[in-house]
Structures are given as C-alpha cells and as structure tokens.
Amino acid sequence: MKLYLSSFKLGNEVEKLKELISHTKGQVGYIPNALDFSHADPTRRKEHIEDDLSSLLEIGLTVEVLDLREFFGRAEDLRRRLPPWVECG
C-alpha cells in the first residue's frame, strides 16, 4: 500500500501523487480525517471532504471514500473492501 499524506489539500507534490498511483489506473481511496478528538461541525466536515474529492477528480482520479470508523473491530471486513493490490498486515 502506498500513502500520499498531505497536511493541506493535495499538497505541492501532485505529480508525485500521480506517479504513486500509476498502477491503479487512476483509482484511489480517500480516507478523510475522522476528527474523533473534536466536536467538528458535520456540515463543515462534509464540505471539507467534498472539496478534497473535487480536487482529486480535477486531476483525473476516480475516488472511493473509505471511512475507517465504519470498520472498528471489523478488520476482515476492511480487508475484503480494499482492492486486491493493497497489502494489509
């Protein structure tokens, strides 16, 4: 599994991001920050995710949102949900 982590939007290495995912034919998973530690406004969180998704779509990616909170205690379900090229330890 390869991760592209950015503290703000797509960051300044978009070309490197494209290189990292070249083997996926533009299909990527997006794991939003769960913000479990805060009492974030759900509307603001939704808008943030939509903005991130829009940026990814603009550079030609096909994006699937994966909310890890849905898989607490269900590691096997998460493994089945991930594409076969993702290695899980």
Foldseek 3Di string as FASTA:
>chain_A
DDDDDDPDANPDPVVVVCVVCVVVVQEDEDEDDPPPVDPDDPVVSVVVVVVNVVSSVVVPHHYDYDHCVVCVVNVVVVVVVDDPVDDDD
